[in-house]
Structure formats: structure tokens, C-alpha cells
Amino acid sequence: AMNDVDGDGLANDLCVTDPRIDQVVITPT
């Protein structure tokens, strides 16, 4: 998913569901 998670006004944050580690990761674009 791509959205503004940190509130800086840009859709530059990713929420990645990765089956290789079975984790939900928040990471900048």
C-alpha cells in the first residue's frame, strides 16, 4: 500500500506485507 503515513503531505510511505518474513513493514519510498 502507498499512502502518507508520517504526515508530511506526500504519499511516500509504503506498507509492505512480505511472506518471506511474515511481517508487515513500513518503509519510505
mmCIF file of all heavy atoms, coordinates in Angstrom:
data_MODEL
# 
_entry.id   MODEL 
# 
loop_
_atom_site.group_PDB 
_atom_site.id 
_atom_site.type_symbol 
_atom_site.label_atom_id 
_atom_site.label_alt_id 
_atom_site.label_comp_id 
_atom_site.label_asym_id 
_atom_site.label_entity_id 
_atom_site.label_seq_id 
_atom_site.pdbx_PDB_ins_code 
_atom_site.Cartn_x 
_atom_site.Cartn_y 
_atom_site.Cartn_z 
_atom_site.occupancy 
_atom_site.B_iso_or_equiv 
_atom_site.pdbx_formal_charge 
_atom_site.auth_seq_id 
_atom_site.auth_comp_id 
_atom_site.auth_asym_id 
_atom_site.auth_atom_id 
_atom_site.pdbx_PDB_model_num 
ATOM 1   N N   . ALA A 1 1  ? 0.855  -1.186  0.000  1.00 0.00 ? 1  ALA A N   1 
ATOM 2   C CA  . ALA A 1 1  ? 0.000  0.000   0.000  1.00 0.00 ? 1  ALA A CA  1 
ATOM 3   C C   . ALA A 1 1  ? 0.889  1.233   0.000  1.00 0.00 ? 1  ALA A C   1 
ATOM 4   O O   . ALA A 1 1  ? 1.964  1.243   0.601  1.00 0.00 ? 1  ALA A O   1 
ATOM 5   C CB  . ALA A 1 1  ? -0.913 0.007   1.225  1.00 0.00 ? 1  ALA A CB  1 
ATOM 6   N N   . MET A 1 2  ? 0.435  2.285   -0.688 1.00 0.00 ? 2  MET A N   1 
ATOM 7   C CA  . MET A 1 2  ? 1.168  3.551   -0.740 1.00 0.00 ? 2  MET A CA  1 
ATOM 8   C C   . MET A 1 2  ? 0.268  4.648   -0.196 1.00 0.00 ? 2  MET A C   1 
ATOM 9   O O   . MET A 1 2  ? -0.872 4.803   -0.640 1.00 0.00 ? 2  MET A O   1 
ATOM 10  C CB  . MET A 1 2  ? 1.595  3.871   -2.181 1.00 0.00 ? 2  MET A CB  1 
ATOM 11  C CG  . MET A 1 2  ? 2.528  5.083   -2.289 1.00 0.00 ? 2  MET A CG  1 
ATOM 12  S SD  . MET A 1 2  ? 2.910  5.574   -4.017 1.00 0.00 ? 2  MET A SD  1 
ATOM 13  C CE  . MET A 1 2  ? 3.589  4.052   -4.657 1.00 0.00 ? 2  MET A CE  1 
ATOM 14  N N   . ASN A 1 3  ? 0.793  5.413   0.795  1.00 0.00 ? 3  ASN A N   1 
ATOM 15  C CA  . ASN A 1 3  ? -0.012 6.468   1.382  1.00 0.00 ? 3  ASN A CA  1 
ATOM 16  C C   . ASN A 1 3  ? 0.900  7.404   2.171  1.00 0.00 ? 3  ASN A C   1 
ATOM 17  O O   . ASN A 1 3  ? 2.119  7.194   2.263  1.00 0.00 ? 3  ASN A O   1 
ATOM 18  C CB  . ASN A 1 3  ? -1.103 5.881   2.286  1.00 0.00 ? 3  ASN A CB  1 
ATOM 19  C CG  . ASN A 1 3  ? -2.425 6.609   2.125  1.00 0.00 ? 3  ASN A CG  1 
ATOM 20  O OD1 . ASN A 1 3  ? -2.490 7.825   2.269  1.00 0.00 ? 3  ASN A OD1 1 
ATOM 21  N ND2 . ASN A 1 3  ? -3.477 5.864   1.820  1.00 0.00 ? 3  ASN A ND2 1 
ATOM 22  N N   . ASP A 1 4  ? 0.302  8.450   2.727  1.00 0.00 ? 4  ASP A N   1 
ATOM 23  C CA  . ASP A 1 4  ? 1.029  9.370   3.607  1.00 0.00 ? 4  ASP A CA  1 
ATOM 24  C C   . ASP A 1 4  ? 0.842  8.883   5.032  1.00 0.00 ? 4  ASP A C   1 
ATOM 25  O O   . ASP A 1 4  ? -0.161 9.174   5.680  1.00 0.00 ? 4  ASP A O   1 
ATOM 26  C CB  . ASP A 1 4  ? 0.492  10.788  3.439  1.00 0.00 ? 4  ASP A CB  1 
ATOM 27  C CG  . ASP A 1 4  ? 1.201  11.790  4.349  1.00 0.00 ? 4  ASP A CG  1 
ATOM 28  O OD1 . ASP A 1 4  ? 2.224  11.421  4.976  1.00 0.00 ? 4  ASP A OD1 1 
ATOM 29  O OD2 . ASP A 1 4  ? 0.725  12.935  4.459  1.00 0.00 ? 4  ASP A OD2 1 
ATOM 30  N N   . VAL A 1 5  ? 1.808  8.121   5.533  1.00 0.00 ? 5  VAL A N   1 
ATOM 31  C CA  . VAL A 1 5  ? 1.703  7.564   6.878  1.00 0.00 ? 5  VAL A CA  1 
ATOM 32  C C   . VAL A 1 5  ? 2.338  8.479   7.914  1.00 0.00 ? 5  VAL A C   1 
ATOM 33  O O   . VAL A 1 5  ? 1.863  8.586   9.039  1.00 0.00 ? 5  VAL A O   1 
ATOM 34  C CB  . VAL A 1 5  ? 2.343  6.159   6.934  1.00 0.00 ? 5  VAL A CB  1 
ATOM 35  C CG1 . VAL A 1 5  ? 2.256  5.570   8.341  1.00 0.00 ? 5  VAL A CG1 1 
ATOM 36  C CG2 . VAL A 1 5  ? 1.659  5.223   5.938  1.00 0.00 ? 5  VAL A CG2 1 
ATOM 37  N N   . ASP A 1 6  ? 3.397  9.199   7.547  1.00 0.00 ? 6  ASP A N   1 
ATOM 38  C CA  . ASP A 1 6  ? 4.105  10.031  8.520  1.00 0.00 ? 6  ASP A CA  1 
ATOM 39  C C   . ASP A 1 6  ? 3.602  11.468  8.572  1.00 0.00 ? 6  ASP A C   1 
ATOM 40  O O   . ASP A 1 6  ? 4.105  12.281  9.351  1.00 0.00 ? 6  ASP A O   1 
ATOM 41  C CB  . ASP A 1 6  ? 5.609  10.008  8.273  1.00 0.00 ? 6  ASP A CB  1 
ATOM 42  C CG  . ASP A 1 6  ? 6.011  10.633  6.943  1.00 0.00 ? 6  ASP A CG  1 
ATOM 43  O OD1 . ASP A 1 6  ? 5.105  10.992  6.153  1.00 0.00 ? 6  ASP A OD1 1 
ATOM 44  O OD2 . ASP A 1 6  ? 7.219  10.760  6.693  1.00 0.00 ? 6  ASP A OD2 1 
ATOM 45  N N   . GLY A 1 7  ? 2.613  11.835  7.735  1.00 0.00 ? 7  GLY A N   1 
ATOM 46  C CA  . GLY A 1 7  ? 2.004  13.150  7.819  1.00 0.00 ? 7  GLY A CA  1 
ATOM 47  C C   . GLY A 1 7  ? 2.789  14.274  7.189  1.00 0.00 ? 7  GLY A C   1 
ATOM 48  O O   . GLY A 1 7  ? 2.566  15.444  7.522  1.00 0.00 ? 7  GLY A O   1 
ATOM 49  N N   . ASP A 1 8  ? 3.678  13.972  6.229  1.00 0.00 ? 8  ASP A N   1 
ATOM 50  C CA  . ASP A 1 8  ? 4.464  15.034  5.590  1.00 0.00 ? 8  ASP A CA  1 
ATOM 51  C C   . ASP A 1 8  ? 3.784  15.586  4.341  1.00 0.00 ? 8  ASP A C   1 
ATOM 52  O O   . ASP A 1 8  ? 4.347  16.415  3.627  1.00 0.00 ? 8  ASP A O   1 
ATOM 53  C CB  . ASP A 1 8  ? 5.871  14.548  5.268  1.00 0.00 ? 8  ASP A CB  1 
ATOM 54  C CG  . ASP A 1 8  ? 5.913  13.475  4.185  1.00 0.00 ? 8  ASP A CG  1 
ATOM 55  O OD1 . ASP A 1 8  ? 4.828  13.000  3.777  1.00 0.00 ? 8  ASP A OD1 1 
ATOM 56  O OD2 . ASP A 1 8  ? 7.022  13.095  3.763  1.00 0.00 ? 8  ASP A OD2 1 
ATOM 57  N N   . GLY A 1 9  ? 2.558  15.122  4.044  1.00 0.00 ? 9  GLY A N   1 
ATOM 58  C CA  . GLY A 1 9  ? 1.812  15.647  2.912  1.00 0.00 ? 9  GLY A CA  1 
ATOM 59  C C   . GLY A 1 9  ? 2.053  14.938  1.608  1.00 0.00 ? 9  GLY A C   1 
ATOM 60  O O   . GLY A 1 9  ? 1.480  15.332  0.574  1.00 0.00 ? 9  GLY A O   1 
ATOM 61  N N   . LEU A 1 10 ? 2.877  13.890  1.585  1.00 0.00 ? 10 LEU A N   1 
ATOM 62  C CA  . LEU A 1 10 ? 3.172  13.144  0.366  1.00 0.00 ? 10 LEU A CA  1 
ATOM 63  C C   . LEU A 1 10 ? 2.851  11.666  0.559  1.00 0.00 ? 10 LEU A C   1 
ATOM 64  O O   . LEU A 1 10 ? 3.024  11.121  1.659  1.00 0.00 ? 10 LEU A O   1 
ATOM 65  C CB  . LEU A 1 10 ? 4.653  13.293  -0.013 1.00 0.00 ? 10 LEU A CB  1 
ATOM 66  C CG  . LEU A 1 10 ? 5.125  14.685  -0.438 1.00 0.00 ? 10 LEU A CG  1 
ATOM 67  C CD1 . LEU A 1 10 ? 6.645  14.702  -0.581 1.00 0.00 ? 10 LEU A CD1 1 
ATOM 68  C CD2 . LEU A 1 10 ? 4.458  15.113  -1.750 1.00 0.00 ? 10 LEU A CD2 1 
ATOM 69  N N   . ALA A 1 11 ? 2.423  11.026  -0.510 1.00 0.00 ? 11 ALA A N   1 
ATOM 70  C CA  . ALA A 1 11 ? 2.152  9.581   -0.477 1.00 0.00 ? 11 ALA A CA  1 
ATOM 71  C C   . ALA A 1 11 ? 3.458  8.826   -0.669 1.00 0.00 ? 11 ALA A C   1 
ATOM 72  O O   . ALA A 1 11 ? 3.638  8.078   -1.637 1.00 0.00 ? 11 ALA A O   1 
ATOM 73  C CB  . ALA A 1 11 ? 1.141  9.210   -1.555 1.00 0.00 ? 11 ALA A CB  1 
ATOM 74  N N   . ASN A 1 12 ? 4.365  9.009   0.265  1.00 0.00 ? 12 ASN A N   1 
ATOM 75  C CA  . ASN A 1 12 ? 5.726  8.472   0.123  1.00 0.00 ? 12 ASN A CA  1 
ATOM 76  C C   . ASN A 1 12 ? 6.079  7.455   1.196  1.00 0.00 ? 12 ASN A C   1 
ATOM 77  O O   . ASN A 1 12 ? 7.247  7.286   1.555  1.00 0.00 ? 12 ASN A O   1 
ATOM 78  C CB  . ASN A 1 12 ? 6.751  9.609   0.117  1.00 0.00 ? 12 ASN A CB  1 
ATOM 79  C CG  . ASN A 1 12 ? 6.665  10.489  1.363  1.00 0.00 ? 12 ASN A CG  1 
ATOM 80  O OD1 . ASN A 1 12 ? 5.875  10.229  2.266  1.00 0.00 ? 12 ASN A OD1 1 
ATOM 81  N ND2 . ASN A 1 12 ? 7.481  11.545  1.408  1.00 0.00 ? 12 ASN A ND2 1 
ATOM 82  N N   . ASP A 1 13 ? 5.055  6.764   1.712  1.00 0.00 ? 13 ASP A N   1 
ATOM 83  C CA  . ASP A 1 13 ? 5.268  5.694   2.684  1.00 0.00 ? 13 ASP A CA  1 
ATOM 84  C C   . ASP A 1 13 ? 4.610  4.424   2.168  1.00 0.00 ? 13 ASP A C   1 
ATOM 85  O O   . ASP A 1 13 ? 3.512  4.458   1.608  1.00 0.00 ? 13 ASP A O   1 
ATOM 86  C CB  . ASP A 1 13 ? 4.684  6.074   4.049  1.00 0.00 ? 13 ASP A CB  1 
ATOM 87  C CG  . ASP A 1 13 ? 5.246  7.391   4.566  1.00 0.00 ? 13 ASP A CG  1 
ATOM 88  O OD1 . ASP A 1 13 ? 6.460  7.436   4.841  1.00 0.00 ? 13 ASP A OD1 1 
ATOM 89  O OD2 . ASP A 1 13 ? 4.473  8.360   4.678  1.00 0.00 ? 13 ASP A OD2 1 
ATOM 90  N N   . LEU A 1 14 ? 5.287  3.299   2.370  1.00 0.00 ? 14 LEU A N   1 
ATOM 91  C CA  . LEU A 1 14 ? 4.791  2.010   1.917  1.00 0.00 ? 14 LEU A CA  1 
ATOM 92  C C   . LEU A 1 14 ? 4.499  1.108   3.102  1.00 0.00 ? 14 LEU A C   1 
ATOM 93  O O   . LEU A 1 14 ? 5.242  1.113   4.091  1.00 0.00 ? 14 LEU A O   1 
ATOM 94  C CB  . LEU A 1 14 ? 5.823  1.321   1.010  1.00 0.00 ? 14 LEU A CB  1 
ATOM 95  C CG  . LEU A 1 14 ? 6.238  2.068   -0.258 1.00 0.00 ? 14 LEU A CG  1 
ATOM 96  C CD1 . LEU A 1 14 ? 7.375  1.327   -0.966 1.00 0.00 ? 14 LEU A CD1 1 
ATOM 97  C CD2 . LEU A 1 14 ? 5.054  2.235   -1.199 1.00 0.00 ? 14 LEU A CD2 1 
ATOM 98  N N   . CYS A 1 15 ? 3.417  0.356   2.984  1.00 0.00 ? 15 CYS A N   1 
ATOM 99  C CA  . CYS A 1 15 ? 3.115  -0.701  3.946  1.00 0.00 ? 15 CYS A CA  1 
ATOM 100 C C   . CYS A 1 15 ? 3.199  -2.013  3.175  1.00 0.00 ? 15 CYS A C   1 
ATOM 101 O O   . CYS A 1 15 ? 2.360  -2.285  2.310  1.00 0.00 ? 15 CYS A O   1 
ATOM 102 C CB  . CYS A 1 15 ? 1.730  -0.498  4.558  1.00 0.00 ? 15 CYS A CB  1 
ATOM 103 S SG  . CYS A 1 15 ? 1.343  -1.658  5.894  1.00 0.00 ? 15 CYS A SG  1 
ATOM 104 N N   . VAL A 1 16 ? 4.234  -2.805  3.458  1.00 0.00 ? 16 VAL A N   1 
ATOM 105 C CA  . VAL A 1 16 ? 4.551  -3.998  2.676  1.00 0.00 ? 16 VAL A CA  1 
ATOM 106 C C   . VAL A 1 16 ? 4.255  -5.248  3.496  1.00 0.00 ? 16 VAL A C   1 
ATOM 107 O O   . VAL A 1 16 ? 4.742  -5.386  4.626  1.00 0.00 ? 16 VAL A O   1 
ATOM 108 C CB  . VAL A 1 16 ? 6.038  -4.013  2.253  1.00 0.00 ? 16 VAL A CB  1 
ATOM 109 C CG1 . VAL A 1 16 ? 6.346  -5.247  1.423  1.00 0.00 ? 16 VAL A CG1 1 
ATOM 110 C CG2 . VAL A 1 16 ? 6.393  -2.741  1.493  1.00 0.00 ? 16 VAL A CG2 1 
ATOM 111 N N   . THR A 1 17 ? 3.454  -6.137  2.933  1.00 0.00 ? 17 THR A N   1 
ATOM 112 C CA  . THR A 1 17 ? 3.223  -7.453  3.535  1.00 0.00 ? 17 THR A CA  1 
ATOM 113 C C   . THR A 1 17 ? 4.123  -8.448  2.809  1.00 0.00 ? 17 THR A C   1 
ATOM 114 O O   . THR A 1 17 ? 3.935  -8.698  1.620  1.00 0.00 ? 17 THR A O   1 
ATOM 115 C CB  . THR A 1 17 ? 1.759  -7.873  3.388  1.00 0.00 ? 17 THR A CB  1 
ATOM 116 O OG1 . THR A 1 17 ? 0.918  -6.801  3.814  1.00 0.00 ? 17 THR A OG1 1 
ATOM 117 C CG2 . THR A 1 17 ? 1.454  -9.086  4.233  1.00 0.00 ? 17 THR A CG2 1 
ATOM 118 N N   . ASP A 1 18 ? 5.105  -8.992  3.527  1.00 0.00 ? 18 ASP A N   1 
ATOM 119 C CA  . ASP A 1 18 ? 6.152  -9.799  2.892  1.00 0.00 ? 18 ASP A CA  1 
ATOM 120 C C   . ASP A 1 18 ? 6.103  -11.231 3.417  1.00 0.00 ? 18 ASP A C   1 
ATOM 121 O O   . ASP A 1 18 ? 6.456  -11.488 4.572  1.00 0.00 ? 18 ASP A O   1 
ATOM 122 C CB  . ASP A 1 18 ? 7.524  -9.188  3.180  1.00 0.00 ? 18 ASP A CB  1 
ATOM 123 C CG  . ASP A 1 18 ? 8.634  -9.810  2.350  1.00 0.00 ? 18 ASP A CG  1 
ATOM 124 O OD1 . ASP A 1 18 ? 8.424  -10.909 1.803  1.00 0.00 ? 18 ASP A OD1 1 
ATOM 125 O OD2 . ASP A 1 18 ? 9.719  -9.210  2.252  1.00 0.00 ? 18 ASP A OD2 1 
ATOM 126 N N   . PRO A 1 19 ? 5.655  -12.208 2.603  1.00 0.00 ? 19 PRO A N   1 
ATOM 127 C CA  . PRO A 1 19 ? 5.571  -13.592 3.083  1.00 0.00 ? 19 PRO A CA  1 
ATOM 128 C C   . PRO A 1 19 ? 6.924  -14.227 3.373  1.00 0.00 ? 19 PRO A C   1 
ATOM 129 O O   . PRO A 1 19 ? 6.992  -15.228 4.089  1.00 0.00 ? 19 PRO A O   1 
ATOM 130 C CB  . PRO A 1 19 ? 4.854  -14.320 1.942  1.00 0.00 ? 19 PRO A CB  1 
ATOM 131 C CG  . PRO A 1 19 ? 5.060  -13.473 0.740  1.00 0.00 ? 19 PRO A CG  1 
ATOM 132 C CD  . PRO A 1 19 ? 5.142  -12.058 1.231  1.00 0.00 ? 19 PRO A CD  1 
ATOM 133 N N   . ARG A 1 20 ? 8.006  -13.648 2.844  1.00 0.00 ? 20 ARG A N   1 
ATOM 134 C CA  . ARG A 1 20 ? 9.327  -14.220 3.122  1.00 0.00 ? 20 ARG A CA  1 
ATOM 135 C C   . ARG A 1 20 ? 9.683  -14.112 4.592  1.00 0.00 ? 20 ARG A C   1 
ATOM 136 O O   . ARG A 1 20 ? 10.426 -14.934 5.133  1.00 0.00 ? 20 ARG A O   1 
ATOM 137 C CB  . ARG A 1 20 ? 10.392 -13.515 2.278  1.00 0.00 ? 20 ARG A CB  1 
ATOM 138 C CG  . ARG A 1 20 ? 10.192 -13.668 0.775  1.00 0.00 ? 20 ARG A CG  1 
ATOM 139 C CD  . ARG A 1 20 ? 11.195 -12.828 0.018  1.00 0.00 ? 20 ARG A CD  1 
ATOM 140 N NE  . ARG A 1 20 ? 11.117 -11.421 0.424  1.00 0.00 ? 20 ARG A NE  1 
ATOM 141 C CZ  . ARG A 1 20 ? 12.031 -10.497 0.130  1.00 0.00 ? 20 ARG A CZ  1 
ATOM 142 N NH1 . ARG A 1 20 ? 13.106 -10.849 -0.567 1.00 0.00 ? 20 ARG A NH1 1 
ATOM 143 N NH2 . ARG A 1 20 ? 11.878 -9.252  0.522  1.00 0.00 ? 20 ARG A NH2 1 
ATOM 144 N N   . ILE A 1 21 ? 9.130  -13.088 5.278  1.00 0.00 ? 21 ILE A N   1 
ATOM 145 C CA  . ILE A 1 21 ? 9.407  -12.903 6.700  1.00 0.00 ? 21 ILE A CA  1 
ATOM 146 C C   . ILE A 1 21 ? 8.121  -12.869 7.528  1.00 0.00 ? 21 ILE A C   1 
ATOM 147 O O   . ILE A 1 21 ? 8.180  -12.761 8.748  1.00 0.00 ? 21 ILE A O   1 
ATOM 148 C CB  . ILE A 1 21 ? 10.219 -11.611 6.952  1.00 0.00 ? 21 ILE A CB  1 
ATOM 149 C CG1 . ILE A 1 21 ? 9.491  -10.392 6.382  1.00 0.00 ? 21 ILE A CG1 1 
ATOM 150 C CG2 . ILE A 1 21 ? 11.615 -11.744 6.335  1.00 0.00 ? 21 ILE A CG2 1 
ATOM 151 C CD1 . ILE A 1 21 ? 10.197 -9.063  6.663  1.00 0.00 ? 21 ILE A CD1 1 
ATOM 152 N N   . ASP A 1 22 ? 6.976  -12.969 6.878  1.00 0.00 ? 22 ASP A N   1 
ATOM 153 C CA  . ASP A 1 22 ? 5.674  -12.909 7.543  1.00 0.00 ? 22 ASP A CA  1 
ATOM 154 C C   . ASP A 1 22 ? 5.582  -11.715 8.484  1.00 0.00 ? 22 ASP A C   1 
ATOM 155 O O   . ASP A 1 22 ? 5.136  -11.831 9.635  1.00 0.00 ? 22 ASP A O   1 
ATOM 156 C CB  . ASP A 1 22 ? 5.380  -14.207 8.299  1.00 0.00 ? 22 ASP A CB  1 
ATOM 157 C CG  . ASP A 1 22 ? 4.667  -15.226 7.418  1.00 0.00 ? 22 ASP A CG  1 
ATOM 158 O OD1 . ASP A 1 22 ? 4.181  -14.840 6.332  1.00 0.00 ? 22 ASP A OD1 1 
ATOM 159 O OD2 . ASP A 1 22 ? 4.598  -16.408 7.800  1.00 0.00 ? 22 ASP A OD2 1 
ATOM 160 N N   . GLN A 1 23 ? 5.996  -10.561 7.982  1.00 0.00 ? 23 GLN A N   1 
ATOM 161 C CA  . GLN A 1 23 ? 5.933  -9.313  8.729  1.00 0.00 ? 23 GLN A CA  1 
ATOM 162 C C   . GLN A 1 23 ? 5.247  -8.250  7.880  1.00 0.00 ? 23 GLN A C   1 
ATOM 163 O O   . GLN A 1 23 ? 5.197  -8.346  6.649  1.00 0.00 ? 23 GLN A O   1 
ATOM 164 C CB  . GLN A 1 23 ? 7.345  -8.829  9.105  1.00 0.00 ? 23 GLN A CB  1 
ATOM 165 C CG  . GLN A 1 23 ? 8.134  -9.774  9.989  1.00 0.00 ? 23 GLN A CG  1 
ATOM 166 C CD  . GLN A 1 23 ? 7.584  -9.861  11.396 1.00 0.00 ? 23 GLN A CD  1 
ATOM 167 O OE1 . GLN A 1 23 ? 7.044  -8.881  11.930 1.00 0.00 ? 23 GLN A OE1 1 
ATOM 168 N NE2 . GLN A 1 23 ? 7.712  -11.025 12.011 1.00 0.00 ? 23 GLN A NE2 1 
ATOM 169 N N   . VAL A 1 24 ? 4.722  -7.233  8.569  1.00 0.00 ? 24 VAL A N   1 
ATOM 170 C CA  . VAL A 1 24 ? 4.165  -6.064  7.898  1.00 0.00 ? 24 VAL A CA  1 
ATOM 171 C C   . VAL A 1 24 ? 5.137  -4.915  8.124  1.00 0.00 ? 24 VAL A C   1 
ATOM 172 O O   . VAL A 1 24 ? 5.364  -4.495  9.267  1.00 0.00 ? 24 VAL A O   1 
ATOM 173 C CB  . VAL A 1 24 ? 2.778  -5.706  8.448  1.00 0.00 ? 24 VAL A CB  1 
ATOM 174 C CG1 . VAL A 1 24 ? 2.211  -4.508  7.697  1.00 0.00 ? 24 VAL A CG1 1 
ATOM 175 C CG2 . VAL A 1 24 ? 1.836  -6.900  8.327  1.00 0.00 ? 24 VAL A CG2 1 
ATOM 176 N N   . VAL A 1 25 ? 5.716  -4.411  7.037  1.00 0.00 ? 25 VAL A N   1 
ATOM 177 C CA  . VAL A 1 25 ? 6.832  -3.471  7.100  1.00 0.00 ? 25 VAL A CA  1 
ATOM 178 C C   . VAL A 1 25 ? 6.380  -2.088  6.639  1.00 0.00 ? 25 VAL A C   1 
ATOM 179 O O   . VAL A 1 25 ? 5.712  -1.951  5.609  1.00 0.00 ? 25 VAL A O   1 
ATOM 180 C CB  . VAL A 1 25 ? 8.002  -3.969  6.234  1.00 0.00 ? 25 VAL A CB  1 
ATOM 181 C CG1 . VAL A 1 25 ? 9.087  -2.906  6.113  1.00 0.00 ? 25 VAL A CG1 1 
ATOM 182 C CG2 . VAL A 1 25 ? 8.572  -5.263  6.814  1.00 0.00 ? 25 VAL A CG2 1 
ATOM 183 N N   . ILE A 1 26 ? 6.762  -1.066  7.403  1.00 0.00 ? 26 ILE A N   1 
ATOM 184 C CA  . ILE A 1 26 ? 6.580  0.323   6.994  1.00 0.00 ? 26 ILE A CA  1 
ATOM 185 C C   . ILE A 1 26 ? 7.935  0.843   6.544  1.00 0.00 ? 26 ILE A C   1 
ATOM 186 O O   . ILE A 1 26 ? 8.925  0.748   7.284  1.00 0.00 ? 26 ILE A O   1 
ATOM 187 C CB  . ILE A 1 26 ? 6.036  1.190   8.145  1.00 0.00 ? 26 ILE A CB  1 
ATOM 188 C CG1 . ILE A 1 26 ? 4.795  0.548   8.757  1.00 0.00 ? 26 ILE A CG1 1 
ATOM 189 C CG2 . ILE A 1 26 ? 5.734  2.593   7.643  1.00 0.00 ? 26 ILE A CG2 1 
ATOM 190 C CD1 . ILE A 1 26 ? 3.667  0.333   7.782  1.00 0.00 ? 26 ILE A CD1 1 
ATOM 191 N N   . THR A 1 27 ? 7.984  1.394   5.333  1.00 0.00 ? 27 THR A N   1 
ATOM 192 C CA  . THR A 1 27 ? 9.256  1.840   4.769  1.00 0.00 ? 27 THR A CA  1 
ATOM 193 C C   . THR A 1 27 ? 9.016  3.017   3.832  1.00 0.00 ? 27 THR A C   1 
ATOM 194 O O   . THR A 1 27 ? 7.969  3.090   3.193  1.00 0.00 ? 27 THR A O   1 
ATOM 195 C CB  . THR A 1 27 ? 9.945  0.669   4.022  1.00 0.00 ? 27 THR A CB  1 
ATOM 196 O OG1 . THR A 1 27 ? 11.222 1.076   3.534  1.00 0.00 ? 27 THR A OG1 1 
ATOM 197 C CG2 . THR A 1 27 ? 9.097  0.173   2.864  1.00 0.00 ? 27 THR A CG2 1 
ATOM 198 N N   . PRO A 1 28 ? 9.961  3.965   3.767  1.00 0.00 ? 28 PRO A N   1 
ATOM 199 C CA  . PRO A 1 28 ? 9.779  5.103   2.845  1.00 0.00 ? 28 PRO A CA  1 
ATOM 200 C C   . PRO A 1 28 ? 9.963  4.681   1.396  1.00 0.00 ? 28 PRO A C   1 
ATOM 201 O O   . PRO A 1 28 ? 10.695 3.730   1.100  1.00 0.00 ? 28 PRO A O   1 
ATOM 202 C CB  . PRO A 1 28 ? 10.872 6.081   3.286  1.00 0.00 ? 28 PRO A CB  1 
ATOM 203 C CG  . PRO A 1 28 ? 11.907 5.239   3.947  1.00 0.00 ? 28 PRO A CG  1 
ATOM 204 C CD  . PRO A 1 28 ? 11.187 4.089   4.571  1.00 0.00 ? 28 PRO A CD  1 
ATOM 205 N N   . THR A 1 29 ? 9.283  5.372   0.496  1.00 0.00 ? 29 THR A N   1 
ATOM 206 C CA  . THR A 1 29 ? 9.519  5.125   -0.920 1.00 0.00 ? 29 THR A CA  1 
ATOM 207 C C   . THR A 1 29 ? 10.950 5.535   -1.263 1.00 0.00 ? 29 THR A C   1 
ATOM 208 O O   . THR A 1 29 ? 11.479 6.496   -0.701 1.00 0.00 ? 29 THR A O   1 
ATOM 209 C CB  . THR A 1 29 ? 8.531  5.903   -1.795 1.00 0.00 ? 29 THR A CB  1 
ATOM 210 O OG1 . THR A 1 29 ? 8.645  7.298   -1.496 1.00 0.00 ? 29 THR A OG1 1 
ATOM 211 C CG2 . THR A 1 29 ? 7.108  5.450   -1.557 1.00 0.00 ? 29 THR A CG2 1 
# 
